Amino acid sequence: MSTFTAIGEDREIDQEEFTPGVEPQATWCPGCGDFGVLKALKGAMPEVGRTPDETLLVTGIGCSGKLSSYFESYGFHSIHGRALPVARAAKLANPGLEVIAAGGDGDGYGIGGNHFMHTARENHDMTYIVFNNEIFGLTKGQTSPTSPKGHESKTQPHGSAKDPVRPMSLSLASGASYVARTAAVNPRQAQEILVEAIQHDGFAHIDFLTQCPTWNKDAKEYVPYTDIQDSDEFDLDTGDRREAAETMYEAESRLYEGEVLTGRFYHDPDRPSYGEEKRAQGDVPEEPVAERYFEDGEWERTADRLIDRHT
């Protein structure tokens, strides 16, 4: 076991270890889908075999950002749309950490959309959970990037004139190596997908449908849902990008017609992660940077090497 972290500890893990002692009870609105994300994540971690000391949860702004307050692990509550660059830096500095990022549809697909696209393109080894309730919830019900066309809100009183973002299609086109969709009303599937995503070596994106009974009553509870892996209508090869793209487009279209398709849509287990690529090139040291500084206490600045080259 490392002296810098508890990574590598081999013992039985109970999911209650991920319930914090300071703020154990979440304060989301009654009926909020965010409770389903928290429950599924707590259930997934013991299956993955990670302790709170081996886990970092980075969150953005919004109702989803409170997840790090209700989940016992290392945590970082970033500013709006910036969870992914913080998570990327932490993973590169300490690749032994299990890094999970979380944010809402406005946080991830709107304000942080550029970071989402490039994190997927570079295939950073982390899991990204996007709470998709088709609304800005914490700021009281404004139209979000996934709100359906025609949706009326405080910011679009005459109805949105824009087509919604297709998050899974965007993720696949950008380069994510694992893409799935689940829903808070399907806790069994949600936990299974979270386990797979966390164990995946690369960028795993989960579009997690979370109902908002307070500010988006139009979206109901995302029921009934169909698991594409259990449906006779679909025979998807999750390793085939073309098939995945077509099925994602179908799922994203049907969602606004009242049918919820969930499941695993794409998985490429063979593509190297960004960290693996950079270590192979020699640009990132094999020894975790974070642990190096802890061990010898001598701080090395990248700027010093650059100055030496040019003086």
C-alpha atoms as a PDB file:
ATOM      1  CA  MET A   1       0.000   0.000   0.000  1.00  0.00           C
ATOM      2  CA  SER A   2       1.292   3.445  -0.905  1.00  0.00           C
ATOM      3  CA  THR A   3       2.314   5.857   1.826  1.00  0.00           C
ATOM      4  CA  PHE A   4       0.593   8.649  -0.092  1.00  0.00           C
ATOM      5  CA  THR A   5      -2.759   6.917  -0.532  1.00  0.00           C
ATOM      6  CA  ALA A   6      -4.578   3.811   0.595  1.00  0.00           C
ATOM      7  CA  ILE A   7      -4.543   2.453  -2.964  1.00  0.00           C
ATOM      8  CA  GLY A   8      -4.086  -1.276  -3.089  1.00  0.00           C
ATOM      9  CA  GLU A   9      -5.735  -2.106   0.221  1.00  0.00           C
ATOM     10  CA  ASP A  10      -7.219  -5.585  -0.013  1.00  0.00           C
ATOM     11  CA  ARG A  11     -10.239  -5.999   2.263  1.00  0.00           C
ATOM     12  CA  GLU A  12     -13.999  -6.367   2.276  1.00  0.00           C
ATOM     13  CA  ILE A  13     -15.811  -3.101   1.531  1.00  0.00           C
ATOM     14  CA  ASP A  14     -19.265  -2.176   2.772  1.00  0.00           C
ATOM     15  CA  GLN A  15     -21.303   0.360   0.820  1.00  0.00           C
ATOM     16  CA  GLU A  16     -22.120   2.212   4.050  1.00  0.00           C
ATOM     17  CA  GLU A  17     -18.483   3.316   4.116  1.00  0.00           C
ATOM     18  CA  PHE A  18     -19.503   5.725   1.357  1.00  0.00           C
ATOM     19  CA  THR A  19     -22.092   7.424   3.590  1.00  0.00           C
ATOM     20  CA  PRO A  20     -20.451  10.500   5.168  1.00  0.00           C
ATOM     21  CA  GLY A  21     -20.797  11.185   8.858  1.00  0.00           C
ATOM     22  CA  VAL A  22     -21.064  14.963   8.467  1.00  0.00           C
ATOM     23  CA  GLU A  23     -23.983  15.155   6.007  1.00  0.00           C
ATOM     24  CA  PRO A  24     -25.359  11.630   5.634  1.00  0.00           C
ATOM     25  CA  GLN A  25     -28.887  12.547   4.477  1.00  0.00           C
ATOM     26  CA  ALA A  26     -29.279  14.071   1.023  1.00  0.00           C
ATOM     27  CA  THR A  27     -31.524  17.149   0.819  1.00  0.00           C
ATOM     28  CA  TRP A  28     -32.719  16.893  -2.780  1.00  0.00           C
ATOM     29  CA  CYS A  29     -36.438  17.414  -3.401  1.00  0.00           C
ATOM     30  CA  PRO A  30     -38.716  14.435  -2.628  1.00  0.00           C
ATOM     31  CA  GLY A  31     -38.976  12.262  -5.733  1.00  0.00           C
ATOM     32  CA  CYS A  32     -35.769  13.628  -7.304  1.00  0.00           C
ATOM     33  CA  GLY A  33     -33.912  11.192  -9.534  1.00  0.00           C
ATOM     34  CA  ASP A  34     -30.594  12.238  -8.009  1.00  0.00           C
ATOM     35  CA  PHE A  35     -31.285   9.895  -5.088  1.00  0.00           C
ATOM     36  CA  GLY A  36     -31.124   7.033  -7.597  1.00  0.00           C
ATOM     37  CA  VAL A  37     -27.652   8.066  -8.774  1.00  0.00           C
ATOM     38  CA  LEU A  38     -26.342   8.221  -5.208  1.00  0.00           C
ATOM     39  CA  LYS A  39     -27.799   4.821  -4.325  1.00  0.00           C
ATOM     40  CA  ALA A  40     -26.432   3.174  -7.473  1.00  0.00           C
ATOM     41  CA  LEU A  41     -22.987   4.688  -6.992  1.00  0.00           C
ATOM     42  CA  LYS A  42     -22.782   3.552  -3.359  1.00  0.00           C
ATOM     43  CA  GLY A  43     -23.808   0.067  -4.433  1.00  0.00           C
ATOM     44  CA  ALA A  44     -21.305  -0.060  -7.292  1.00  0.00           C
ATOM     45  CA  MET A  45     -18.146   0.824  -5.358  1.00  0.00           C
ATOM     46  CA  PRO A  46     -17.894  -2.374  -3.248  1.00  0.00           C
ATOM     47  CA  GLU A  47     -18.391  -4.424  -6.439  1.00  0.00           C
ATOM     48  CA  VAL A  48     -15.547  -2.532  -8.073  1.00  0.00           C
ATOM     49  CA  GLY A  49     -13.443  -3.140  -4.970  1.00  0.00           C
ATOM     50  CA  ARG A  50     -12.579   0.471  -4.237  1.00  0.00           C
ATOM     51  CA  THR A  51     -12.577   2.122  -0.816  1.00  0.00           C
ATOM     52  CA  PRO A  52     -13.385   5.789  -0.124  1.00  0.00           C
ATOM     53  CA  ASP A  53      -9.638   6.420   0.222  1.00  0.00           C
ATOM     54  CA  GLU A  54      -9.076   5.099  -3.297  1.00  0.00           C
ATOM     55  CA  THR A  55     -11.782   7.224  -4.899  1.00  0.00           C
ATOM     56  CA  LEU A  56     -12.065  10.834  -6.040  1.00  0.00           C
ATOM     57  CA  LEU A  57     -15.451  12.339  -6.933  1.00  0.00           C
ATOM     58  CA  VAL A  58     -15.343  15.663  -8.792  1.00  0.00           C
ATOM     59  CA  THR A  59     -18.622  17.533  -9.236  1.00  0.00           C
ATOM     60  CA  GLY A  60     -19.826  20.655 -10.988  1.00  0.00           C
ATOM     61  CA  ILE A  61     -22.483  23.210 -10.083  1.00  0.00           C
ATOM     62  CA  GLY A  62     -26.168  22.365  -9.813  1.00  0.00           C
ATOM     63  CA  CYS A  63     -28.268  19.872  -7.900  1.00  0.00           C
ATOM     64  CA  SER A  64     -25.918  17.149  -9.162  1.00  0.00           C
ATOM     65  CA  GLY A  65     -22.958  18.997  -7.659  1.00  0.00           C
ATOM     66  CA  LYS A  66     -24.217  18.131  -4.177  1.00  0.00           C
ATOM     67  CA  LEU A  67     -23.382  14.482  -4.868  1.00  0.00           C
ATOM     68  CA  SER A  68     -19.863  14.935  -3.483  1.00  0.00           C
ATOM     69  CA  SER A  69     -21.353  16.162  -0.177  1.00  0.00           C
ATOM     70  CA  TYR A  70     -23.397  12.983   0.233  1.00  0.00           C
ATOM     71  CA  PHE A  71     -20.711  10.516  -0.915  1.00  0.00           C
ATOM     72  CA  GLU A  72     -17.752   9.679   1.331  1.00  0.00           C
ATOM     73  CA  SER A  73     -14.511   9.840  -0.670  1.00  0.00           C
ATOM     74  CA  TYR A  74     -11.984  12.408  -1.729  1.00  0.00           C
ATOM     75  CA  GLY A  75     -14.049  15.159  -3.323  1.00  0.00           C
ATOM     76  CA  PHE A  76     -13.701  18.378  -5.271  1.00  0.00           C
ATOM     77  CA  HIS A  77     -16.648  20.685  -5.926  1.00  0.00           C
ATOM     78  CA  SER A  78     -15.578  22.600  -9.034  1.00  0.00           C
ATOM     79  CA  ILE A  79     -17.094  25.631 -10.732  1.00  0.00           C
ATOM     80  CA  HIS A  80     -19.791  25.427 -13.415  1.00  0.00           C
ATOM     81  CA  GLY A  81     -18.808  23.204 -16.330  1.00  0.00           C
ATOM     82  CA  ARG A  82     -15.267  22.547 -15.066  1.00  0.00           C
ATOM     83  CA  ALA A  83     -15.519  19.150 -13.349  1.00  0.00           C
ATOM     84  CA  LEU A  84     -13.781  17.310 -16.191  1.00  0.00           C
ATOM     85  CA  PRO A  85     -10.515  19.305 -16.405  1.00  0.00           C
ATOM     86  CA  VAL A  86     -10.108  18.999 -12.623  1.00  0.00           C
ATOM     87  CA  ALA A  87     -10.755  15.244 -12.821  1.00  0.00           C
ATOM     88  CA  ARG A  88      -8.325  14.859 -15.730  1.00  0.00           C
ATOM     89  CA  ALA A  89      -5.518  16.584 -13.859  1.00  0.00           C
ATOM     90  CA  ALA A  90      -6.077  14.475 -10.752  1.00  0.00           C
ATOM     91  CA  LYS A  91      -6.002  11.237 -12.755  1.00  0.00           C
ATOM     92  CA  LEU A  92      -2.792  12.167 -14.546  1.00  0.00           C
ATOM     93  CA  ALA A  93      -1.106  13.129 -11.274  1.00  0.00           C
ATOM     94  CA  ASN A  94      -2.260  10.002  -9.427  1.00  0.00           C
ATOM     95  CA  PRO A  95      -3.393   7.307 -11.903  1.00  0.00           C
ATOM     96  CA  GLY A  96      -4.060   4.822  -9.101  1.00  0.00           C
ATOM     97  CA  LEU A  97      -7.068   6.848  -7.961  1.00  0.00           C
ATOM     98  CA  GLU A  98     -10.510   5.834  -9.194  1.00  0.00           C
ATOM     99  CA  VAL A  99     -11.717   9.137 -10.626  1.00  0.00           C
ATOM    100  CA  ILE A 100     -15.423   9.825 -11.115  1.00  0.00           C
ATOM    101  CA  ALA A 101     -16.825  13.119 -12.405  1.00  0.00           C
ATOM    102  CA  ALA A 102     -20.471  14.145 -12.177  1.00  0.00           C
ATOM    103  CA  GLY A 103     -22.570  17.050 -13.401  1.00  0.00           C
ATOM    104  CA  GLY A 104     -25.960  17.973 -14.790  1.00  0.00           C
ATOM    105  CA  ASP A 105     -27.057  18.299 -18.413  1.00  0.00           C
ATOM    106  CA  GLY A 106     -26.579  22.074 -18.295  1.00  0.00           C
ATOM    107  CA  ASP A 107     -23.230  21.721 -16.561  1.00  0.00           C
ATOM    108  CA  GLY A 108     -21.929  18.950 -18.821  1.00  0.00           C
ATOM    109  CA  TYR A 109     -23.578  19.414 -22.210  1.00  0.00           C
ATOM    110  CA  GLY A 110     -23.868  23.220 -22.130  1.00  0.00           C
ATOM    111  CA  ILE A 111     -21.418  25.226 -20.052  1.00  0.00           C
ATOM    112  CA  GLY A 112     -18.871  22.394 -19.968  1.00  0.00           C
ATOM    113  CA  GLY A 113     -19.606  21.038 -23.446  1.00  0.00           C
ATOM    114  CA  ASN A 114     -16.156  21.828 -24.794  1.00  0.00           C
ATOM    115  CA  HIS A 115     -14.468  19.957 -21.941  1.00  0.00           C
ATOM    116  CA  PHE A 116     -16.853  17.043 -22.465  1.00  0.00           C
ATOM    117  CA  MET A 117     -15.978  16.766 -26.145  1.00  0.00           C
ATOM    118  CA  HIS A 118     -12.213  16.884 -25.664  1.00  0.00           C
ATOM    119  CA  THR A 119     -12.133  14.610 -22.609  1.00  0.00           C
ATOM    120  CA  ALA A 120     -13.943  12.024 -24.710  1.00  0.00           C
ATOM    121  CA  ARG A 121     -11.609  12.659 -27.668  1.00  0.00           C
ATOM    122  CA  GLU A 122      -8.520  12.101 -25.526  1.00  0.00           C
ATOM    123  CA  ASN A 123     -10.067   9.059 -23.794  1.00  0.00           C
ATOM    124  CA  HIS A 124      -9.085   9.962 -20.237  1.00  0.00           C
ATOM    125  CA  ASP A 125      -9.504   7.059 -17.832  1.00  0.00           C
ATOM    126  CA  MET A 126     -12.476   8.171 -15.742  1.00  0.00           C
ATOM    127  CA  THR A 127     -16.214   7.782 -15.395  1.00  0.00           C
ATOM    128  CA  TYR A 128     -18.476  10.731 -16.204  1.00  0.00           C
ATOM    129  CA  ILE A 129     -22.034  10.637 -14.861  1.00  0.00           C
ATOM    130  CA  VAL A 130     -24.351  13.257 -16.340  1.00  0.00           C
ATOM    131  CA  PHE A 131     -27.596  13.791 -14.443  1.00  0.00           C
ATOM    132  CA  ASN A 132     -29.929  14.444 -17.374  1.00  0.00           C
ATOM    133  CA  ASN A 133     -33.296  15.870 -16.282  1.00  0.00           C
ATOM    134  CA  GLU A 134     -33.770  18.143 -19.340  1.00  0.00           C
ATOM    135  CA  ILE A 135     -33.834  21.273 -17.179  1.00  0.00           C
ATOM    136  CA  PHE A 136     -31.695  23.628 -15.101  1.00  0.00           C
ATOM    137  CA  GLY A 137     -32.955  22.532 -11.691  1.00  0.00           C
ATOM    138  CA  LEU A 138     -30.930  24.365  -9.055  1.00  0.00           C
ATOM    139  CA  THR A 139     -31.507  27.745 -10.746  1.00  0.00           C
ATOM    140  CA  LYS A 140     -35.253  27.075 -10.823  1.00  0.00           C
ATOM    141  CA  GLY A 141     -36.315  25.676 -14.136  1.00  0.00           C
ATOM    142  CA  GLN A 142     -34.605  27.272 -17.130  1.00  0.00           C
ATOM    143  CA  THR A 143     -34.389  25.505 -20.504  1.00  0.00           C
ATOM    144  CA  SER A 144     -31.282  23.289 -20.741  1.00  0.00           C
ATOM    145  CA  PRO A 145     -29.390  21.804 -23.720  1.00  0.00           C
ATOM    146  CA  THR A 146     -31.485  18.615 -23.505  1.00  0.00           C
ATOM    147  CA  SER A 147     -34.895  20.286 -23.112  1.00  0.00           C
ATOM    148  CA  PRO A 148     -37.172  19.255 -25.995  1.00  0.00           C
ATOM    149  CA  LYS A 149     -38.030  21.670 -28.779  1.00  0.00           C
ATOM    150  CA  GLY A 150     -41.081  23.685 -27.792  1.00  0.00           C
ATOM    151  CA  HIS A 151     -40.399  23.370 -24.062  1.00  0.00           C
ATOM    152  CA  GLU A 152     -41.721  26.415 -22.211  1.00  0.00           C
ATOM    153  CA  SER A 153     -39.709  27.830 -19.320  1.00  0.00           C
ATOM    154  CA  LYS A 154     -38.675  31.086 -17.679  1.00  0.00           C
ATOM    155  CA  THR A 155     -36.008  31.612 -20.312  1.00  0.00           C
ATOM    156  CA  GLN A 156     -38.144  30.348 -23.220  1.00  0.00           C
ATOM    157  CA  PRO A 157     -41.711  31.473 -22.352  1.00  0.00           C
ATOM    158  CA  HIS A 158     -42.912  30.920 -25.933  1.00  0.00           C
ATOM    159  CA  GLY A 159     -41.216  27.537 -26.187  1.00  0.00           C
ATOM    160  CA  SER A 160     -37.678  26.577 -27.135  1.00  0.00           C
ATOM    161  CA  ALA A 161     -36.942  27.019 -30.821  1.00  0.00           C
ATOM    162  CA  LYS A 162     -33.880  24.755 -30.618  1.00  0.00           C
ATOM    163  CA  ASP A 163     -33.525  21.035 -31.117  1.00  0.00           C
ATOM    164  CA  PRO A 164     -32.037  19.324 -28.044  1.00  0.00           C
ATOM    165  CA  VAL A 165     -28.469  18.090 -27.866  1.00  0.00           C
ATOM    166  CA  ARG A 166     -28.035  14.380 -28.576  1.00  0.00           C
ATOM    167  CA  PRO A 167     -25.605  13.563 -25.753  1.00  0.00           C
ATOM    168  CA  MET A 168     -24.772   9.949 -26.574  1.00  0.00           C
ATOM    169  CA  SER A 169     -24.248  10.710 -30.257  1.00  0.00           C
ATOM    170  CA  LEU A 170     -22.018  13.624 -29.308  1.00  0.00           C
ATOM    171  CA  SER A 171     -20.064  11.415 -26.932  1.00  0.00           C
ATOM    172  CA  LEU A 172     -19.501   8.695 -29.527  1.00  0.00           C
ATOM    173  CA  ALA A 173     -18.532  11.156 -32.257  1.00  0.00           C
ATOM    174  CA  SER A 174     -16.078  12.829 -29.888  1.00  0.00           C
ATOM    175  CA  GLY A 175     -14.318   9.568 -29.055  1.00  0.00           C
ATOM    176  CA  ALA A 176     -15.684   8.121 -25.797  1.00  0.00           C
ATOM    177  CA  SER A 177     -14.814   4.434 -25.468  1.00  0.00           C
ATOM    178  CA  TYR A 178     -17.804   3.500 -23.290  1.00  0.00           C
ATOM    179  CA  VAL A 179     -21.259   5.054 -23.679  1.00  0.00           C
ATOM    180  CA  ALA A 180     -24.413   4.033 -21.845  1.00  0.00           C
ATOM    181  CA  ARG A 181     -27.759   5.413 -20.756  1.00  0.00           C
ATOM    182  CA  THR A 182     -29.674   4.439 -17.642  1.00  0.00           C
ATOM    183  CA  ALA A 183     -32.412   5.929 -15.474  1.00  0.00           C
ATOM    184  CA  ALA A 184     -33.048   6.520 -11.794  1.00  0.00           C
ATOM    185  CA  VAL A 185     -36.185   4.392 -12.043  1.00  0.00           C
ATOM    186  CA  ASN A 186     -34.061   1.372 -13.016  1.00  0.00           C
ATOM    187  CA  PRO A 187     -31.702   0.975 -10.015  1.00  0.00           C
ATOM    188  CA  ARG A 188     -30.554  -2.548 -10.881  1.00  0.00           C
ATOM    189  CA  GLN A 189     -29.432  -1.605 -14.367  1.00  0.00           C
ATOM    190  CA  ALA A 190     -27.963   1.686 -13.116  1.00  0.00           C
ATOM    191  CA  GLN A 191     -25.692  -0.077 -10.639  1.00  0.00           C
ATOM    192  CA  GLU A 192     -24.594  -2.663 -13.200  1.00  0.00           C
ATOM    193  CA  ILE A 193     -23.721   0.032 -15.738  1.00  0.00           C
ATOM    194  CA  LEU A 194     -21.828   2.059 -13.133  1.00  0.00           C
ATOM    195  CA  VAL A 195     -19.738  -1.003 -12.242  1.00  0.00           C
ATOM    196  CA  GLU A 196     -18.881  -1.586 -15.901  1.00  0.00           C
ATOM    197  CA  ALA A 197     -18.096   2.080 -16.503  1.00  0.00           C
ATOM    198  CA  ILE A 198     -15.813   2.385 -13.486  1.00  0.00           C
ATOM    199  CA  GLN A 199     -13.962  -0.805 -14.390  1.00  0.00           C
ATOM    200  CA  HIS A 200     -13.505   0.379 -17.984  1.00  0.00           C
ATOM    201  CA  ASP A 201     -10.006   1.685 -18.809  1.00  0.00           C
ATOM    202  CA  GLY A 202     -10.832   4.846 -20.732  1.00  0.00           C
ATOM    203  CA  PHE A 203     -13.487   7.542 -20.848  1.00  0.00           C
ATOM    204  CA  ALA A 204     -16.836   6.098 -19.770  1.00  0.00           C
ATOM    205  CA  HIS A 205     -19.857   8.353 -20.252  1.00  0.00           C
ATOM    206  CA  ILE A 206     -23.204   7.587 -18.624  1.00  0.00           C
ATOM    207  CA  ASP A 207     -26.231   9.655 -19.604  1.00  0.00           C
ATOM    208  CA  PHE A 208     -28.237   9.161 -16.399  1.00  0.00           C
ATOM    209  CA  LEU A 209     -31.904  10.145 -16.761  1.00  0.00           C
ATOM    210  CA  THR A 210     -32.985  11.753 -13.491  1.00  0.00           C
ATOM    211  CA  GLN A 211     -36.555  13.002 -13.135  1.00  0.00           C
ATOM    212  CA  CYS A 212     -37.106  16.498 -11.679  1.00  0.00           C
ATOM    213  CA  PRO A 213     -40.604  16.562 -10.136  1.00  0.00           C
ATOM    214  CA  THR A 214     -40.204  20.181  -9.009  1.00  0.00           C
ATOM    215  CA  TRP A 215     -39.109  22.022 -12.161  1.00  0.00           C
ATOM    216  CA  ASN A 216     -39.692  19.639 -15.067  1.00  0.00           C
ATOM    217  CA  LYS A 217     -42.990  17.858 -14.685  1.00  0.00           C
ATOM    218  CA  ASP A 218     -43.154  17.330 -18.466  1.00  0.00           C
ATOM    219  CA  ALA A 219     -40.441  14.676 -18.316  1.00  0.00           C
ATOM    220  CA  LYS A 220     -42.467  12.521 -15.872  1.00  0.00           C
ATOM    221  CA  GLU A 221     -40.275   9.747 -14.426  1.00  0.00           C
ATOM    222  CA  TYR A 222     -38.784   8.329 -17.659  1.00  0.00           C
ATOM    223  CA  VAL A 223     -41.106   5.334 -17.632  1.00  0.00           C
ATOM    224  CA  PRO A 224     -41.826   2.959 -19.165  1.00  0.00           C
ATOM    225  CA  TYR A 225     -38.270   2.142 -20.154  1.00  0.00           C
ATOM    226  CA  THR A 226     -36.859  -0.552 -22.401  1.00  0.00           C
ATOM    227  CA  ASP A 227     -33.458  -2.147 -21.810  1.00  0.00           C
ATOM    228  CA  ILE A 228     -32.026  -2.572 -25.304  1.00  0.00           C
ATOM    229  CA  GLN A 229     -29.992  -5.588 -24.152  1.00  0.00           C
ATOM    230  CA  ASP A 230     -33.205  -7.368 -23.114  1.00  0.00           C
ATOM    231  CA  SER A 231     -35.366  -6.278 -26.069  1.00  0.00           C
ATOM    232  CA  ASP A 232     -36.060  -8.491 -29.096  1.00  0.00           C
ATOM    233  CA  GLU A 233     -36.208  -5.337 -31.223  1.00  0.00           C
ATOM    234  CA  PHE A 234     -32.493  -4.663 -30.833  1.00  0.00           C
ATOM    235  CA  ASP A 235     -29.527  -6.907 -31.603  1.00  0.00           C
ATOM    236  CA  LEU A 236     -26.770  -4.380 -31.010  1.00  0.00           C
ATOM    237  CA  ASP A 237     -23.080  -5.177 -31.285  1.00  0.00           C
ATOM    238  CA  THR A 238     -21.720  -2.644 -28.787  1.00  0.00           C
ATOM    239  CA  GLY A 239     -18.288  -2.880 -30.405  1.00  0.00           C
ATOM    240  CA  ASP A 240     -19.574  -1.675 -33.789  1.00  0.00           C
ATOM    241  CA  ARG A 241     -19.461   2.138 -33.983  1.00  0.00           C
ATOM    242  CA  ARG A 242     -21.907   2.350 -36.878  1.00  0.00           C
ATOM    243  CA  GLU A 243     -24.499   0.158 -35.174  1.00  0.00           C
ATOM    244  CA  ALA A 244     -23.984   2.067 -31.933  1.00  0.00           C
ATOM    245  CA  ALA A 245     -24.462   5.412 -33.680  1.00  0.00           C
ATOM    246  CA  GLU A 246     -27.708   4.296 -35.306  1.00  0.00           C
ATOM    247  CA  THR A 247     -29.099   2.881 -32.065  1.00  0.00           C
ATOM    248  CA  MET A 248     -28.129   5.995 -30.104  1.00  0.00           C
ATOM    249  CA  TYR A 249     -29.879   8.204 -32.644  1.00  0.00           C
ATOM    250  CA  GLU A 250     -32.978   6.036 -32.352  1.00  0.00           C
ATOM    251  CA  ALA A 251     -32.905   6.199 -28.547  1.00  0.00           C
ATOM    252  CA  GLU A 252     -32.392   9.955 -28.510  1.00  0.00           C
ATOM    253  CA  SER A 253     -35.295  10.453 -30.915  1.00  0.00           C
ATOM    254  CA  ARG A 254     -37.724   8.185 -29.094  1.00  0.00           C
ATOM    255  CA  LEU A 255     -37.044   9.823 -25.724  1.00  0.00           C
ATOM    256  CA  TYR A 256     -38.983  12.900 -26.819  1.00  0.00           C
ATOM    257  CA  GLU A 257     -41.770  10.705 -28.146  1.00  0.00           C
ATOM    258  CA  GLY A 258     -42.317   9.164 -24.717  1.00  0.00           C
ATOM    259  CA  GLU A 259     -40.292   5.940 -25.045  1.00  0.00           C
ATOM    260  CA  VAL A 260     -37.158   5.484 -22.935  1.00  0.00           C
ATOM    261  CA  LEU A 261     -34.420   3.219 -24.311  1.00  0.00           C
ATOM    262  CA  THR A 262     -31.639   2.452 -21.860  1.00  0.00           C
ATOM    263  CA  GLY A 263     -28.618   0.165 -21.793  1.00  0.00           C
ATOM    264  CA  ARG A 264     -25.089  -0.177 -23.081  1.00  0.00           C
ATOM    265  CA  PHE A 265     -24.635   1.419 -26.485  1.00  0.00           C
ATOM    266  CA  TYR A 266     -20.883   1.345 -27.156  1.00  0.00           C
ATOM    267  CA  HIS A 267     -17.805  -0.273 -25.639  1.00  0.00           C
ATOM    268  CA  ASP A 268     -14.234  -0.308 -26.962  1.00  0.00           C
ATOM    269  CA  PRO A 269     -12.048  -2.065 -24.368  1.00  0.00           C
ATOM    270  CA  ASP A 270      -8.902  -2.063 -26.509  1.00  0.00           C
ATOM    271  CA  ARG A 271      -8.288   1.636 -27.050  1.00  0.00           C
ATOM    272  CA  PRO A 272      -5.461   2.940 -24.814  1.00  0.00           C
ATOM    273  CA  SER A 273      -6.358   5.691 -22.383  1.00  0.00           C
ATOM    274  CA  TYR A 274      -4.765   9.127 -22.559  1.00  0.00           C
ATOM    275  CA  GLY A 275      -2.604   8.385 -19.534  1.00  0.00           C
ATOM    276  CA  GLU A 276      -1.332   5.151 -21.092  1.00  0.00           C
ATOM    277  CA  GLU A 277      -0.488   6.968 -24.318  1.00  0.00           C
ATOM    278  CA  LYS A 278       1.393   9.745 -22.503  1.00  0.00           C
ATOM    279  CA  ARG A 279       3.322   7.322 -20.300  1.00  0.00           C
ATOM    280  CA  ALA A 280       4.301   5.294 -23.368  1.00  0.00           C
ATOM    281  CA  GLN A 281       5.659   8.478 -24.965  1.00  0.00           C
ATOM    282  CA  GLY A 282       7.585   9.352 -21.824  1.00  0.00           C
ATOM    283  CA  ASP A 283       5.663  12.601 -21.336  1.00  0.00           C
ATOM    284  CA  VAL A 284       4.191  11.428 -18.028  1.00  0.00           C
ATOM    285  CA  PRO A 285       6.377   9.596 -15.463  1.00  0.00           C
ATOM    286  CA  GLU A 286       5.521   6.059 -14.450  1.00  0.00           C
ATOM    287  CA  GLU A 287       5.773   7.125 -10.813  1.00  0.00           C
ATOM    288  CA  PRO A 288       2.686   9.094  -9.732  1.00  0.00           C
ATOM    289  CA  VAL A 289       3.601  12.763  -9.578  1.00  0.00           C
ATOM    290  CA  ALA A 290       1.536  13.260  -6.437  1.00  0.00           C
ATOM    291  CA  GLU A 291       3.332  10.481  -4.580  1.00  0.00           C
ATOM    292  CA  ARG A 292       6.748  11.726  -5.668  1.00  0.00           C
ATOM    293  CA  TYR A 293       6.183  15.063  -3.985  1.00  0.00           C
ATOM    294  CA  PHE A 294       4.863  13.424  -0.852  1.00  0.00           C
ATOM    295  CA  GLU A 295       7.838  11.088  -0.491  1.00  0.00           C
ATOM    296  CA  ASP A 296      10.841  13.403  -0.842  1.00  0.00           C
ATOM    297  CA  GLY A 297       9.291  16.799  -0.255  1.00  0.00           C
ATOM    298  CA  GLU A 298      11.305  18.347  -3.099  1.00  0.00           C
ATOM    299  CA  TRP A 299       9.010  20.129  -5.505  1.00  0.00           C
ATOM    300  CA  GLU A 300       9.905  19.949  -9.172  1.00  0.00           C
ATOM    301  CA  ARG A 301       8.533  22.676 -11.421  1.00  0.00           C
ATOM    302  CA  THR A 302       8.005  22.055 -15.118  1.00  0.00           C
ATOM    303  CA  ALA A 303       8.966  25.685 -15.658  1.00  0.00           C
ATOM    304  CA  ASP A 304      12.490  24.925 -14.392  1.00  0.00           C
ATOM    305  CA  ARG A 305      13.059  22.404 -17.186  1.00  0.00           C
ATOM    306  CA  LEU A 306      11.761  24.846 -19.785  1.00  0.00           C
ATOM    307  CA  ILE A 307      14.061  27.590 -18.488  1.00  0.00           C
ATOM    308  CA  ASP A 308      17.055  25.224 -18.634  1.00  0.00           C
ATOM    309  CA  ARG A 309      16.349  24.492 -22.307  1.00  0.00           C
ATOM    310  CA  HIS A 310      16.283  28.125 -23.305  1.00  0.00           C
ATOM    311  CA  THR A 311      19.121  29.566 -21.227  1.00  0.00           C
END
